[in-house]
Amino acid sequence: MGGAGASSSSSSDSSAEQQQLEKLQEQLRQVQQQIQRLQASNVSEDVKNAQLQSLNSEAMQLQGQITQLQQQIAQEASGSITA
């Protein structure tokens, strides 16, 4: 029974990275939803702009992390194919 789970440590690494990627993507979706709700709200423009700037900054950081992780996963995938 235990052999299937222990057969490949690299697949568990990639699944952990995949889970992290999905978590980051979900966080990005939540930030994008907050941005949409804020844009549709009746908050004053000054407050709205400050909050939008903060949320957009957070979204950009998440996108950067997602891109980095996707590149890392792709590099590891291509490395395991050629090895």
PDB file of N, CA and C in Angstrom:
ATOM      1  N   MET A   1       0.818  -1.207   0.000  1.00  0.00           N
ATOM      2  CA  MET A   1       0.000   0.000   0.000  1.00  0.00           C
ATOM      3  C   MET A   1       0.856   1.264   0.000  1.00  0.00           C
ATOM      4  N   GLY A   2       1.952   1.266   0.768  1.00  0.00           N
ATOM      5  CA  GLY A   2       2.756   2.467   0.885  1.00  0.00           C
ATOM      6  C   GLY A   2       3.636   2.742  -0.311  1.00  0.00           C
ATOM      7  N   GLY A   3       3.841   1.760  -1.204  1.00  0.00           N
ATOM      8  CA  GLY A   3       4.752   1.919  -2.324  1.00  0.00           C
ATOM      9  C   GLY A   3       4.330   2.990  -3.302  1.00  0.00           C
ATOM     10  N   ALA A   4       3.047   3.140  -3.555  1.00  0.00           N
ATOM     11  CA  ALA A   4       2.583   4.106  -4.551  1.00  0.00           C
ATOM     12  C   ALA A   4       2.888   5.539  -4.124  1.00  0.00           C
ATOM     13  N   GLY A   5       2.733   5.831  -2.850  1.00  0.00           N
ATOM     14  CA  GLY A   5       2.996   7.185  -2.377  1.00  0.00           C
ATOM     15  C   GLY A   5       4.468   7.523  -2.343  1.00  0.00           C
ATOM     16  N   ALA A   6       5.325   6.527  -2.173  1.00  0.00           N
ATOM     17  CA  ALA A   6       6.756   6.774  -2.036  1.00  0.00           C
ATOM     18  C   ALA A   6       7.515   6.586  -3.345  1.00  0.00           C
ATOM     19  N   SER A   7       6.803   6.327  -4.434  1.00  0.00           N
ATOM     20  CA  SER A   7       7.475   5.980  -5.679  1.00  0.00           C
ATOM     21  C   SER A   7       8.260   7.139  -6.270  1.00  0.00           C
ATOM     22  N   SER A   8       7.805   8.375  -6.062  1.00  0.00           N
ATOM     23  CA  SER A   8       8.503   9.504  -6.690  1.00  0.00           C
ATOM     24  C   SER A   8       8.400  10.739  -5.822  1.00  0.00           C
ATOM     25  N   SER A   9       9.539  11.170  -5.284  1.00  0.00           N
ATOM     26  CA  SER A   9       9.527  12.362  -4.445  1.00  0.00           C
ATOM     27  C   SER A   9       9.378  13.614  -5.290  1.00  0.00           C
ATOM     28  N   SER A  10       9.831  13.577  -6.555  1.00  0.00           N
ATOM     29  CA  SER A  10       9.732  14.768  -7.396  1.00  0.00           C
ATOM     30  C   SER A  10       8.277  15.091  -7.708  1.00  0.00           C
ATOM     31  N   SER A  11       7.432  14.077  -7.822  1.00  0.00           N
ATOM     32  CA  SER A  11       6.030  14.363  -8.096  1.00  0.00           C
ATOM     33  C   SER A  11       5.368  15.020  -6.890  1.00  0.00           C
ATOM     34  N   SER A  12       5.795  14.660  -5.674  1.00  0.00           N
ATOM     35  CA  SER A  12       5.221  15.317  -4.501  1.00  0.00           C
ATOM     36  C   SER A  12       5.691  16.762  -4.419  1.00  0.00           C
ATOM     37  N   ASP A  13       6.936  17.023  -4.844  1.00  0.00           N
ATOM     38  CA  ASP A  13       7.416  18.403  -4.886  1.00  0.00           C
ATOM     39  C   ASP A  13       6.587  19.218  -5.861  1.00  0.00           C
ATOM     40  N   SER A  14       6.355  18.665  -7.048  1.00  0.00           N
ATOM     41  CA  SER A  14       5.616  19.416  -8.052  1.00  0.00           C
ATOM     42  C   SER A  14       4.161  19.586  -7.637  1.00  0.00           C
ATOM     43  N   SER A  15       3.587  18.597  -6.940  1.00  0.00           N
ATOM     44  CA  SER A  15       2.208  18.763  -6.495  1.00  0.00           C
ATOM     45  C   SER A  15       2.124  19.826  -5.403  1.00  0.00           C
ATOM     46  N   ALA A  16       3.158  19.923  -4.567  1.00  0.00           N
ATOM     47  CA  ALA A  16       3.188  20.985  -3.562  1.00  0.00           C
ATOM     48  C   ALA A  16       3.286  22.343  -4.249  1.00  0.00           C
ATOM     49  N   GLU A  17       4.111  22.423  -5.282  1.00  0.00           N
ATOM     50  CA  GLU A  17       4.222  23.675  -6.034  1.00  0.00           C
ATOM     51  C   GLU A  17       2.911  23.980  -6.746  1.00  0.00           C
ATOM     52  N   GLN A  18       2.254  22.950  -7.261  1.00  0.00           N
ATOM     53  CA  GLN A  18       0.971  23.139  -7.936  1.00  0.00           C
ATOM     54  C   GLN A  18      -0.065  23.656  -6.940  1.00  0.00           C
ATOM     55  N   GLN A  19      -0.054  23.111  -5.733  1.00  0.00           N
ATOM     56  CA  GLN A  19      -0.986  23.587  -4.705  1.00  0.00           C
ATOM     57  C   GLN A  19      -0.698  25.039  -4.354  1.00  0.00           C
ATOM     58  N   GLN A  20       0.585  25.383  -4.256  1.00  0.00           N
ATOM     59  CA  GLN A  20       0.958  26.765  -3.962  1.00  0.00           C
ATOM     60  C   GLN A  20       0.505  27.681  -5.096  1.00  0.00           C
ATOM     61  N   LEU A  21       0.669  27.217  -6.334  1.00  0.00           N
ATOM     62  CA  LEU A  21       0.247  27.994  -7.494  1.00  0.00           C
ATOM     63  C   LEU A  21      -1.259  28.237  -7.455  1.00  0.00           C
ATOM     64  N   GLU A  22      -2.019  27.199  -7.159  1.00  0.00           N
ATOM     65  CA  GLU A  22      -3.476  27.335  -7.085  1.00  0.00           C
ATOM     66  C   GLU A  22      -3.878  28.291  -5.966  1.00  0.00           C
ATOM     67  N   LYS A  23      -3.162  28.238  -4.853  1.00  0.00           N
ATOM     68  CA  LYS A  23      -3.448  29.139  -3.729  1.00  0.00           C
ATOM     69  C   LYS A  23      -3.204  30.592  -4.137  1.00  0.00           C
ATOM     70  N   LEU A  24      -2.080  30.838  -4.824  1.00  0.00           N
ATOM     71  CA  LEU A  24      -1.776  32.198  -5.289  1.00  0.00           C
ATOM     72  C   LEU A  24      -2.814  32.675  -6.297  1.00  0.00           C
ATOM     73  N   GLN A  25      -3.230  31.786  -7.191  1.00  0.00           N
ATOM     74  CA  GLN A  25      -4.234  32.157  -8.185  1.00  0.00           C
ATOM     75  C   GLN A  25      -5.563  32.485  -7.520  1.00  0.00           C
ATOM     76  N   GLU A  26      -5.914  31.745  -6.481  1.00  0.00           N
ATOM     77  CA  GLU A  26      -7.147  32.025  -5.740  1.00  0.00           C
ATOM     78  C   GLU A  26      -7.046  33.370  -5.026  1.00  0.00           C
ATOM     79  N   GLN A  27      -5.888  33.662  -4.435  1.00  0.00           N
ATOM     80  CA  GLN A  27      -5.693  34.961  -3.787  1.00  0.00           C
ATOM     81  C   GLN A  27      -5.837  36.086  -4.813  1.00  0.00           C
ATOM     82  N   LEU A  28      -5.288  35.881  -6.005  1.00  0.00           N
ATOM     83  CA  LEU A  28      -5.388  36.891  -7.052  1.00  0.00           C
ATOM     84  C   LEU A  28      -6.842  37.095  -7.454  1.00  0.00           C
ATOM     85  N   ARG A  29      -7.600  36.004  -7.593  1.00  0.00           N
ATOM     86  CA  ARG A  29      -9.027  36.129  -7.929  1.00  0.00           C
ATOM     87  C   ARG A  29      -9.765  36.937  -6.859  1.00  0.00           C
ATOM     88  N   GLN A  30      -9.433  36.692  -5.594  1.00  0.00           N
ATOM     89  CA  GLN A  30     -10.094  37.417  -4.509  1.00  0.00           C
ATOM     90  C   GLN A  30      -9.767  38.907  -4.562  1.00  0.00           C
ATOM     91  N   VAL A  31      -8.510  39.241  -4.830  1.00  0.00           N
ATOM     92  CA  VAL A  31      -8.114  40.647  -4.935  1.00  0.00           C
ATOM     93  C   VAL A  31      -8.833  41.296  -6.112  1.00  0.00           C
ATOM     94  N   GLN A  32      -8.928  40.586  -7.236  1.00  0.00           N
ATOM     95  CA  GLN A  32      -9.614  41.134  -8.403  1.00  0.00           C
ATOM     96  C   GLN A  32     -11.094  41.371  -8.107  1.00  0.00           C
ATOM     97  N   GLN A  33     -11.704  40.481  -7.326  1.00  0.00           N
ATOM     98  CA  GLN A  33     -13.098  40.670  -6.927  1.00  0.00           C
ATOM     99  C   GLN A  33     -13.238  41.891  -6.024  1.00  0.00           C
ATOM    100  N   GLN A  34     -12.279  42.075  -5.113  1.00  0.00           N
ATOM    101  CA  GLN A  34     -12.303  43.254  -4.244  1.00  0.00           C
ATOM    102  C   GLN A  34     -12.202  44.525  -5.086  1.00  0.00           C
ATOM    103  N   ILE A  35     -11.347  44.502  -6.097  1.00  0.00           N
ATOM    104  CA  ILE A  35     -11.189  45.664  -6.977  1.00  0.00           C
ATOM    105  C   ILE A  35     -12.508  45.964  -7.674  1.00  0.00           C
ATOM    106  N   GLN A  36     -13.169  44.936  -8.193  1.00  0.00           N
ATOM    107  CA  GLN A  36     -14.443  45.134  -8.886  1.00  0.00           C
ATOM    108  C   GLN A  36     -15.508  45.691  -7.946  1.00  0.00           C
ATOM    109  N   ARG A  37     -15.573  45.134  -6.726  1.00  0.00           N
ATOM    110  CA  ARG A  37     -16.563  45.634  -5.759  1.00  0.00           C
ATOM    111  C   ARG A  37     -16.278  47.084  -5.392  1.00  0.00           C
ATOM    112  N   LEU A  38     -15.009  47.405  -5.219  1.00  0.00           N
ATOM    113  CA  LEU A  38     -14.627  48.768  -4.857  1.00  0.00           C
ATOM    114  C   LEU A  38     -14.970  49.741  -5.981  1.00  0.00           C
ATOM    115  N   GLN A  39     -14.699  49.341  -7.214  1.00  0.00           N
ATOM    116  CA  GLN A  39     -15.001  50.216  -8.346  1.00  0.00           C
ATOM    117  C   GLN A  39     -16.499  50.481  -8.458  1.00  0.00           C
ATOM    118  N   ALA A  40     -17.315  49.511  -8.061  1.00  0.00           N
ATOM    119  CA  ALA A  40     -18.764  49.658  -8.144  1.00  0.00           C
ATOM    120  C   ALA A  40     -19.360  50.331  -6.906  1.00  0.00           C
ATOM    121  N   SER A  41     -18.553  50.571  -5.895  1.00  0.00           N
ATOM    122  CA  SER A  41     -19.067  51.108  -4.635  1.00  0.00           C
ATOM    123  C   SER A  41     -19.266  52.620  -4.715  1.00  0.00           C
ATOM    124  N   ASN A  42     -19.919  53.145  -3.687  1.00  0.00           N
ATOM    125  CA  ASN A  42     -20.186  54.582  -3.601  1.00  0.00           C
ATOM    126  C   ASN A  42     -19.185  55.302  -2.704  1.00  0.00           C
ATOM    127  N   VAL A  43     -18.035  54.708  -2.496  1.00  0.00           N
ATOM    128  CA  VAL A  43     -16.996  55.313  -1.667  1.00  0.00           C
ATOM    129  C   VAL A  43     -16.475  56.561  -2.376  1.00  0.00           C
ATOM    130  N   SER A  44     -16.036  57.552  -1.597  1.00  0.00           N
ATOM    131  CA  SER A  44     -15.503  58.770  -2.207  1.00  0.00           C
ATOM    132  C   SER A  44     -14.317  58.434  -3.105  1.00  0.00           C
ATOM    133  N   GLU A  45     -14.115  59.244  -4.122  1.00  0.00           N
ATOM    134  CA  GLU A  45     -13.061  58.980  -5.108  1.00  0.00           C
ATOM    135  C   GLU A  45     -11.676  58.919  -4.463  1.00  0.00           C
ATOM    136  N   ASP A  46     -11.419  59.789  -3.483  1.00  0.00           N
ATOM    137  CA  ASP A  46     -10.109  59.790  -2.829  1.00  0.00           C
ATOM    138  C   ASP A  46      -9.844  58.455  -2.131  1.00  0.00           C
ATOM    139  N   VAL A  47     -10.830  58.004  -1.371  1.00  0.00           N
ATOM    140  CA  VAL A  47     -10.689  56.738  -0.649  1.00  0.00           C
ATOM    141  C   VAL A  47     -10.607  55.591  -1.651  1.00  0.00           C
ATOM    142  N   LYS A  48     -11.472  55.637  -2.655  1.00  0.00           N
ATOM    143  CA  LYS A  48     -11.502  54.585  -3.664  1.00  0.00           C
ATOM    144  C   LYS A  48     -10.156  54.476  -4.377  1.00  0.00           C
ATOM    145  N   ASN A  49      -9.600  55.619  -4.770  1.00  0.00           N
ATOM    146  CA  ASN A  49      -8.325  55.608  -5.490  1.00  0.00           C
ATOM    147  C   ASN A  49      -7.194  55.058  -4.629  1.00  0.00           C
ATOM    148  N   ALA A  50      -7.167  55.429  -3.355  1.00  0.00           N
ATOM    149  CA  ALA A  50      -6.126  54.930  -2.456  1.00  0.00           C
ATOM    150  C   ALA A  50      -6.244  53.415  -2.286  1.00  0.00           C
ATOM    151  N   GLN A  51      -7.471  52.942  -2.096  1.00  0.00           N
ATOM    152  CA  GLN A  51      -7.673  51.504  -1.923  1.00  0.00           C
ATOM    153  C   GLN A  51      -7.389  50.747  -3.216  1.00  0.00           C
ATOM    154  N   LEU A  52      -7.788  51.332  -4.351  1.00  0.00           N
ATOM    155  CA  LEU A  52      -7.512  50.692  -5.638  1.00  0.00           C
ATOM    156  C   LEU A  52      -6.012  50.579  -5.884  1.00  0.00           C
ATOM    157  N   GLN A  53      -5.282  51.626  -5.525  1.00  0.00           N
ATOM    158  CA  GLN A  53      -3.833  51.598  -5.707  1.00  0.00           C
ATOM    159  C   GLN A  53      -3.224  50.464  -4.878  1.00  0.00           C
ATOM    160  N   SER A  54      -3.682  50.327  -3.651  1.00  0.00           N
ATOM    161  CA  SER A  54      -3.182  49.270  -2.775  1.00  0.00           C
ATOM    162  C   SER A  54      -3.541  47.887  -3.321  1.00  0.00           C
ATOM    163  N   LEU A  55      -4.787  47.716  -3.747  1.00  0.00           N
ATOM    164  CA  LEU A  55      -5.221  46.422  -4.273  1.00  0.00           C
ATOM    165  C   LEU A  55      -4.512  46.082  -5.580  1.00  0.00           C
ATOM    166  N   ASN A  56      -4.328  47.087  -6.437  1.00  0.00           N
ATOM    167  CA  ASN A  56      -3.620  46.844  -7.697  1.00  0.00           C
ATOM    168  C   ASN A  56      -2.176  46.442  -7.435  1.00  0.00           C
ATOM    169  N   SER A  57      -1.555  47.060  -6.444  1.00  0.00           N
ATOM    170  CA  SER A  57      -0.189  46.703  -6.074  1.00  0.00           C
ATOM    171  C   SER A  57      -0.133  45.255  -5.586  1.00  0.00           C
ATOM    172  N   GLU A  58      -1.099  44.885  -4.765  1.00  0.00           N
ATOM    173  CA  GLU A  58      -1.160  43.510  -4.262  1.00  0.00           C
ATOM    174  C   GLU A  58      -1.373  42.522  -5.410  1.00  0.00           C
ATOM    175  N   ALA A  59      -2.249  42.886  -6.348  1.00  0.00           N
ATOM    176  CA  ALA A  59      -2.507  42.020  -7.501  1.00  0.00           C
ATOM    177  C   ALA A  59      -1.245  41.846  -8.344  1.00  0.00           C
ATOM    178  N   MET A  60      -0.496  42.920  -8.528  1.00  0.00           N
ATOM    179  CA  MET A  60       0.737  42.835  -9.310  1.00  0.00           C
ATOM    180  C   MET A  60       1.759  41.930  -8.624  1.00  0.00           C
ATOM    181  N   GLN A  61       1.855  42.025  -7.301  1.00  0.00           N
ATOM    182  CA  GLN A  61       2.777  41.158  -6.557  1.00  0.00           C
ATOM    183  C   GLN A  61       2.381  39.693  -6.714  1.00  0.00           C
ATOM    184  N   LEU A  62       1.087  39.422  -6.606  1.00  0.00           N
ATOM    185  CA  LEU A  62       0.606  38.047  -6.755  1.00  0.00           C
ATOM    186  C   LEU A  62       0.883  37.532  -8.163  1.00  0.00           C
ATOM    187  N   GLN A  63       0.644  38.384  -9.169  1.00  0.00           N
ATOM    188  CA  GLN A  63       0.906  37.973 -10.546  1.00  0.00           C
ATOM    189  C   GLN A  63       2.384  37.654 -10.744  1.00  0.00           C
ATOM    190  N   GLY A  64       3.245  38.445 -10.131  1.00  0.00           N
ATOM    191  CA  GLY A  64       4.679  38.186 -10.218  1.00  0.00           C
ATOM    192  C   GLY A  64       5.053  36.861  -9.578  1.00  0.00           C
ATOM    193  N   GLN A  65       4.462  36.579  -8.414  1.00  0.00           N
ATOM    194  CA  GLN A  65       4.739  35.313  -7.730  1.00  0.00           C
ATOM    195  C   GLN A  65       4.227  34.134  -8.552  1.00  0.00           C
ATOM    196  N   ILE A  66       3.045  34.304  -9.151  1.00  0.00           N
ATOM    197  CA  ILE A  66       2.467  33.248  -9.984  1.00  0.00           C
ATOM    198  C   ILE A  66       3.369  32.976 -11.183  1.00  0.00           C
ATOM    199  N   THR A  67       3.825  34.034 -11.837  1.00  0.00           N
ATOM    200  CA  THR A  67       4.698  33.884 -13.002  1.00  0.00           C
ATOM    201  C   THR A  67       5.992  33.179 -12.622  1.00  0.00           C
ATOM    202  N   GLN A  68       6.588  33.593 -11.510  1.00  0.00           N
ATOM    203  CA  GLN A  68       7.829  32.958 -11.036  1.00  0.00           C
ATOM    204  C   GLN A  68       7.629  31.471 -10.782  1.00  0.00           C
ATOM    205  N   LEU A  69       6.540  31.144 -10.115  1.00  0.00           N
ATOM    206  CA  LEU A  69       6.274  29.750  -9.774  1.00  0.00           C
ATOM    207  C   LEU A  69       5.985  28.935 -11.029  1.00  0.00           C
ATOM    208  N   GLN A  70       5.242  29.515 -11.977  1.00  0.00           N
ATOM    209  CA  GLN A  70       4.969  28.820 -13.234  1.00  0.00           C
ATOM    210  C   GLN A  70       6.269  28.532 -13.983  1.00  0.00           C
ATOM    211  N   GLN A  71       7.180  29.493 -13.993  1.00  0.00           N
ATOM    212  CA  GLN A  71       8.471  29.290 -14.654  1.00  0.00           C
ATOM    213  C   GLN A  71       9.265  28.196 -13.953  1.00  0.00           C
ATOM    214  N   GLN A  72       9.232  28.210 -12.625  1.00  0.00           N
ATOM    215  CA  GLN A  72       9.951  27.195 -11.850  1.00  0.00           C
ATOM    216  C   GLN A  72       9.391  25.806 -12.143  1.00  0.00           C
ATOM    217  N   ILE A  73       8.068  25.689 -12.176  1.00  0.00           N
ATOM    218  CA  ILE A  73       7.432  24.403 -12.464  1.00  0.00           C
ATOM    219  C   ILE A  73       7.792  23.948 -13.874  1.00  0.00           C
ATOM    220  N   ALA A  74       7.779  24.876 -14.828  1.00  0.00           N
ATOM    221  CA  ALA A  74       8.113  24.534 -16.213  1.00  0.00           C
ATOM    222  C   ALA A  74       9.565  24.084 -16.335  1.00  0.00           C
ATOM    223  N   GLN A  75      10.464  24.777 -15.641  1.00  0.00           N
ATOM    224  CA  GLN A  75      11.881  24.395 -15.686  1.00  0.00           C
ATOM    225  C   GLN A  75      12.089  23.009 -15.087  1.00  0.00           C
ATOM    226  N   GLU A  76      11.428  22.744 -13.984  1.00  0.00           N
ATOM    227  CA  GLU A  76      11.572  21.435 -13.351  1.00  0.00           C
ATOM    228  C   GLU A  76      10.970  20.344 -14.226  1.00  0.00           C
ATOM    229  N   ALA A  77       9.867  20.664 -14.893  1.00  0.00           N
ATOM    230  CA  ALA A  77       9.239  19.684 -15.778  1.00  0.00           C
ATOM    231  C   ALA A  77      10.146  19.379 -16.965  1.00  0.00           C
ATOM    232  N   SER A  78      10.732  20.402 -17.556  1.00  0.00           N
ATOM    233  CA  SER A  78      11.622  20.168 -18.698  1.00  0.00           C
ATOM    234  C   SER A  78      12.905  19.487 -18.247  1.00  0.00           C
ATOM    235  N   GLY A  79      13.360  19.787 -17.054  1.00  0.00           N
ATOM    236  CA  GLY A  79      14.552  19.141 -16.518  1.00  0.00           C
ATOM    237  C   GLY A  79      14.327  17.668 -16.251  1.00  0.00           C
ATOM    238  N   SER A  80      13.143  17.319 -15.786  1.00  0.00           N
ATOM    239  CA  SER A  80      12.872  15.914 -15.489  1.00  0.00           C
ATOM    240  C   SER A  80      12.659  15.117 -16.767  1.00  0.00           C
ATOM    241  N   ILE A  81      12.227  15.776 -17.834  1.00  0.00           N
ATOM    242  CA  ILE A  81      12.032  15.085 -19.112  1.00  0.00           C
ATOM    243  C   ILE A  81      13.386  14.746 -19.741  1.00  0.00           C
ATOM    244  N   THR A  82      14.325  15.692 -19.687  1.00  0.00           N
ATOM    245  CA  THR A  82      15.623  15.489 -20.328  1.00  0.00           C
ATOM    246  C   THR A  82      16.563  14.636 -19.488  1.00  0.00           C
ATOM    247  N   ALA A  83      16.314  14.537 -18.206  1.00  0.00           N
ATOM    248  CA  ALA A  83      17.241  13.814 -17.315  1.00  0.00           C
ATOM    249  C   ALA A  83      17.166  12.314 -17.497  1.00  0.00           C
TER     250      ALA A  83
END
